[in-house]
Amino acid sequence: MAEPGPREDGERGSAVVDFVFVSVLVVVLLLAVLQVAVYVHVRNVVTASAQEGARYAANADVPAAVGADRALEVVAAATSVQTARGLRCTSVQETDPSGLVLVVVRCEGSVPSLLAALGDLLPLQVTGRAVEEAS
């Protein structure tokens, strides 16, 4: 049996190195896709919560200021208390150009990242509106 030549010896173990490089790339891509999914999910939950808070505060005999608290309650129930703590929600009454009185709930914050070392890099701003009921 002939011994391997110098060319064959130089490539020994290269499959392991290729596997490591490709594996790192696949893991990074997987984490990026998961982060986008988390961002979209949290944004949709916060948007729906702001709308729910505005609808709740728009009811007759309910002060407009409770809309922000209601939005945070819904976010905490749907995601986590930590996510709700990372948001700042405000609720105010506004009048639109047609003269309708609206309750507007605005929430700002950031979406937590999958890698805690990166911090909260993805900003989030949503608004929910509802027409105020007459008392």
C-alpha atoms as a PDB file:
ATOM      1  CA  MET A   1       0.000   0.000   0.000  1.00  0.00           C
ATOM      2  CA  ALA A   2       1.371   3.384  -0.991  1.00  0.00           C
ATOM      3  CA  GLU A   3       1.715   6.179   1.495  1.00  0.00           C
ATOM      4  CA  PRO A   4      -0.307   9.336   0.877  1.00  0.00           C
ATOM      5  CA  GLY A   5       1.479  12.059  -1.030  1.00  0.00           C
ATOM      6  CA  PRO A   6       2.111  15.584   0.215  1.00  0.00           C
ATOM      7  CA  ARG A   7      -1.036  16.922  -1.476  1.00  0.00           C
ATOM      8  CA  GLU A   8      -3.294  14.468   0.374  1.00  0.00           C
ATOM      9  CA  ASP A   9      -1.610  15.182   3.726  1.00  0.00           C
ATOM     10  CA  GLY A  10      -2.207  18.937   3.357  1.00  0.00           C
ATOM     11  CA  GLU A  11      -5.974  18.522   3.167  1.00  0.00           C
ATOM     12  CA  ARG A  12      -6.275  16.199   6.123  1.00  0.00           C
ATOM     13  CA  GLY A  13      -8.786  17.635   8.654  1.00  0.00           C
ATOM     14  CA  SER A  14     -10.106  20.327   6.316  1.00  0.00           C
ATOM     15  CA  ALA A  15     -13.625  18.852   6.444  1.00  0.00           C
ATOM     16  CA  VAL A  16     -13.739  19.546  10.184  1.00  0.00           C
ATOM     17  CA  VAL A  17     -12.731  23.167   9.652  1.00  0.00           C
ATOM     18  CA  ASP A  18     -15.317  23.562   6.885  1.00  0.00           C
ATOM     19  CA  PHE A  19     -17.974  22.070   9.137  1.00  0.00           C
ATOM     20  CA  VAL A  20     -17.157  24.503  11.944  1.00  0.00           C
ATOM     21  CA  PHE A  21     -17.305  27.536   9.635  1.00  0.00           C
ATOM     22  CA  VAL A  22     -20.568  26.457   8.038  1.00  0.00           C
ATOM     23  CA  SER A  23     -22.082  25.569  11.431  1.00  0.00           C
ATOM     24  CA  VAL A  24     -21.256  29.013  12.846  1.00  0.00           C
ATOM     25  CA  LEU A  25     -22.821  30.657   9.798  1.00  0.00           C
ATOM     26  CA  VAL A  26     -25.977  28.539  10.071  1.00  0.00           C
ATOM     27  CA  VAL A  27     -26.342  29.285  13.803  1.00  0.00           C
ATOM     28  CA  VAL A  28     -25.928  33.046  13.225  1.00  0.00           C
ATOM     29  CA  LEU A  29     -28.543  32.975  10.449  1.00  0.00           C
ATOM     30  CA  LEU A  30     -30.918  30.961  12.642  1.00  0.00           C
ATOM     31  CA  LEU A  31     -30.550  33.451  15.499  1.00  0.00           C
ATOM     32  CA  ALA A  32     -31.169  36.354  13.109  1.00  0.00           C
ATOM     33  CA  VAL A  33     -34.373  34.755  11.814  1.00  0.00           C
ATOM     34  CA  LEU A  34     -35.535  34.020  15.370  1.00  0.00           C
ATOM     35  CA  GLN A  35     -34.807  37.625  16.409  1.00  0.00           C
ATOM     36  CA  VAL A  36     -36.909  38.953  13.535  1.00  0.00           C
ATOM     37  CA  ALA A  37     -39.732  36.612  14.572  1.00  0.00           C
ATOM     38  CA  VAL A  38     -39.523  37.817  18.196  1.00  0.00           C
ATOM     39  CA  TYR A  39     -39.529  41.463  17.067  1.00  0.00           C
ATOM     40  CA  VAL A  40     -42.581  41.011  14.836  1.00  0.00           C
ATOM     41  CA  HIS A  41     -44.437  39.085  17.543  1.00  0.00           C
ATOM     42  CA  VAL A  42     -43.746  41.642  20.286  1.00  0.00           C
ATOM     43  CA  ARG A  43     -44.595  44.541  17.960  1.00  0.00           C
ATOM     44  CA  ASN A  44     -47.927  42.939  17.059  1.00  0.00           C
ATOM     45  CA  VAL A  45     -48.741  42.207  20.709  1.00  0.00           C
ATOM     46  CA  VAL A  46     -47.892  45.763  21.788  1.00  0.00           C
ATOM     47  CA  THR A  47     -49.919  47.222  18.899  1.00  0.00           C
ATOM     48  CA  ALA A  48     -52.950  45.131  19.814  1.00  0.00           C
ATOM     49  CA  SER A  49     -52.477  46.042  23.481  1.00  0.00           C
ATOM     50  CA  ALA A  50     -52.346  49.770  22.715  1.00  0.00           C
ATOM     51  CA  GLN A  51     -55.539  49.418  20.690  1.00  0.00           C
ATOM     52  CA  GLU A  52     -57.179  47.472  23.529  1.00  0.00           C
ATOM     53  CA  GLY A  53     -56.105  50.129  26.035  1.00  0.00           C
ATOM     54  CA  ALA A  54     -57.551  52.878  23.829  1.00  0.00           C
ATOM     55  CA  ARG A  55     -60.849  50.998  23.403  1.00  0.00           C
ATOM     56  CA  TYR A  56     -61.046  50.393  27.154  1.00  0.00           C
ATOM     57  CA  ALA A  57     -60.356  54.049  27.986  1.00  0.00           C
ATOM     58  CA  ALA A  58     -62.822  55.227  25.322  1.00  0.00           C
ATOM     59  CA  ASN A  59     -65.759  53.688  27.188  1.00  0.00           C
ATOM     60  CA  ALA A  60     -68.176  56.106  28.807  1.00  0.00           C
ATOM     61  CA  ASP A  61     -67.365  56.992  32.431  1.00  0.00           C
ATOM     62  CA  VAL A  62     -63.788  55.678  32.168  1.00  0.00           C
ATOM     63  CA  PRO A  63     -60.958  58.203  32.443  1.00  0.00           C
ATOM     64  CA  ALA A  64     -58.625  58.354  29.453  1.00  0.00           C
ATOM     65  CA  ALA A  65     -55.549  57.954  31.659  1.00  0.00           C
ATOM     66  CA  VAL A  66     -56.308  54.289  32.429  1.00  0.00           C
ATOM     67  CA  GLY A  67     -55.716  53.286  28.803  1.00  0.00           C
ATOM     68  CA  ALA A  68     -51.942  53.142  29.296  1.00  0.00           C
ATOM     69  CA  ASP A  69     -52.250  50.925  32.360  1.00  0.00           C
ATOM     70  CA  ARG A  70     -54.647  48.607  30.530  1.00  0.00           C
ATOM     71  CA  ALA A  71     -52.226  48.331  27.591  1.00  0.00           C
ATOM     72  CA  LEU A  72     -49.371  47.370  29.921  1.00  0.00           C
ATOM     73  CA  GLU A  73     -51.565  44.763  31.648  1.00  0.00           C
ATOM     74  CA  VAL A  74     -52.384  43.162  28.298  1.00  0.00           C
ATOM     75  CA  VAL A  75     -48.712  43.162  27.234  1.00  0.00           C
ATOM     76  CA  ALA A  76     -47.685  41.541  30.537  1.00  0.00           C
ATOM     77  CA  ALA A  77     -50.354  38.851  30.152  1.00  0.00           C
ATOM     78  CA  ALA A  78     -49.498  38.141  26.504  1.00  0.00           C
ATOM     79  CA  THR A  79     -45.690  38.204  26.728  1.00  0.00           C
ATOM     80  CA  SER A  80     -43.961  38.733  30.061  1.00  0.00           C
ATOM     81  CA  VAL A  81     -43.856  41.208  32.918  1.00  0.00           C
ATOM     82  CA  GLN A  82     -40.261  42.043  31.941  1.00  0.00           C
ATOM     83  CA  THR A  83     -41.352  43.039  28.433  1.00  0.00           C
ATOM     84  CA  ALA A  84     -44.129  45.220  29.895  1.00  0.00           C
ATOM     85  CA  ARG A  85     -41.626  46.891  32.256  1.00  0.00           C
ATOM     86  CA  GLY A  86     -39.499  47.842  29.254  1.00  0.00           C
ATOM     87  CA  LEU A  87     -42.359  49.878  27.765  1.00  0.00           C
ATOM     88  CA  ARG A  88     -43.517  53.410  28.490  1.00  0.00           C
ATOM     89  CA  CYS A  89     -47.171  53.942  27.637  1.00  0.00           C
ATOM     90  CA  THR A  90     -49.149  57.169  27.758  1.00  0.00           C
ATOM     91  CA  SER A  91     -52.841  57.763  27.237  1.00  0.00           C
ATOM     92  CA  VAL A  92     -54.369  61.114  26.278  1.00  0.00           C
ATOM     93  CA  GLN A  93     -57.491  62.554  24.713  1.00  0.00           C
ATOM     94  CA  GLU A  94     -57.093  64.258  21.352  1.00  0.00           C
ATOM     95  CA  THR A  95     -59.495  65.868  18.918  1.00  0.00           C
ATOM     96  CA  ASP A  96     -59.068  64.964  15.264  1.00  0.00           C
ATOM     97  CA  PRO A  97     -59.667  67.485  12.429  1.00  0.00           C
ATOM     98  CA  SER A  98     -63.287  66.335  12.010  1.00  0.00           C
ATOM     99  CA  GLY A  99     -64.066  67.114  15.650  1.00  0.00           C
ATOM    100  CA  LEU A 100     -64.140  63.551  17.023  1.00  0.00           C
ATOM    101  CA  VAL A 101     -62.694  63.086  20.478  1.00  0.00           C
ATOM    102  CA  LEU A 102     -60.199  60.206  20.455  1.00  0.00           C
ATOM    103  CA  VAL A 103     -58.381  58.329  23.173  1.00  0.00           C
ATOM    104  CA  VAL A 104     -54.803  57.788  22.012  1.00  0.00           C
ATOM    105  CA  VAL A 105     -52.487  55.273  23.674  1.00  0.00           C
ATOM    106  CA  ARG A 106     -48.815  55.487  22.694  1.00  0.00           C
ATOM    107  CA  CYS A 107     -46.266  52.887  23.763  1.00  0.00           C
ATOM    108  CA  GLU A 108     -42.503  53.208  23.324  1.00  0.00           C
ATOM    109  CA  GLY A 109     -39.675  50.938  24.294  1.00  0.00           C
ATOM    110  CA  SER A 110     -37.474  48.275  22.809  1.00  0.00           C
ATOM    111  CA  VAL A 111     -37.709  44.600  22.023  1.00  0.00           C
ATOM    112  CA  PRO A 112     -35.388  42.384  24.058  1.00  0.00           C
ATOM    113  CA  SER A 113     -32.697  40.647  22.010  1.00  0.00           C
ATOM    114  CA  LEU A 114     -32.062  36.911  22.087  1.00  0.00           C
ATOM    115  CA  LEU A 115     -28.463  37.573  23.056  1.00  0.00           C
ATOM    116  CA  ALA A 116     -28.640  39.405  26.376  1.00  0.00           C
ATOM    117  CA  ALA A 117     -25.135  40.810  25.889  1.00  0.00           C
ATOM    118  CA  LEU A 118     -26.382  42.937  22.980  1.00  0.00           C
ATOM    119  CA  GLY A 119     -29.034  44.645  25.114  1.00  0.00           C
ATOM    120  CA  ASP A 120     -32.234  46.079  23.694  1.00  0.00           C
ATOM    121  CA  LEU A 121     -31.291  47.202  20.210  1.00  0.00           C
ATOM    122  CA  LEU A 122     -34.643  47.172  18.419  1.00  0.00           C
ATOM    123  CA  PRO A 123     -36.777  50.271  19.122  1.00  0.00           C
ATOM    124  CA  LEU A 124     -40.548  50.029  19.213  1.00  0.00           C
ATOM    125  CA  GLN A 125     -43.179  52.776  18.879  1.00  0.00           C
ATOM    126  CA  VAL A 126     -46.872  51.994  18.468  1.00  0.00           C
ATOM    127  CA  THR A 127     -50.112  53.946  18.746  1.00  0.00           C
ATOM    128  CA  GLY A 128     -53.672  52.819  19.379  1.00  0.00           C
ATOM    129  CA  ARG A 129     -56.712  55.072  18.875  1.00  0.00           C
ATOM    130  CA  ALA A 130     -60.395  54.776  19.700  1.00  0.00           C
ATOM    131  CA  VAL A 131     -63.342  57.178  19.489  1.00  0.00           C
ATOM    132  CA  GLU A 132     -64.453  58.418  22.924  1.00  0.00           C
ATOM    133  CA  GLU A 133     -68.001  57.400  23.829  1.00  0.00           C
ATOM    134  CA  ALA A 134     -70.345  60.127  24.973  1.00  0.00           C
ATOM    135  CA  SER A 135     -71.245  60.031  28.657  1.00  0.00           C
END
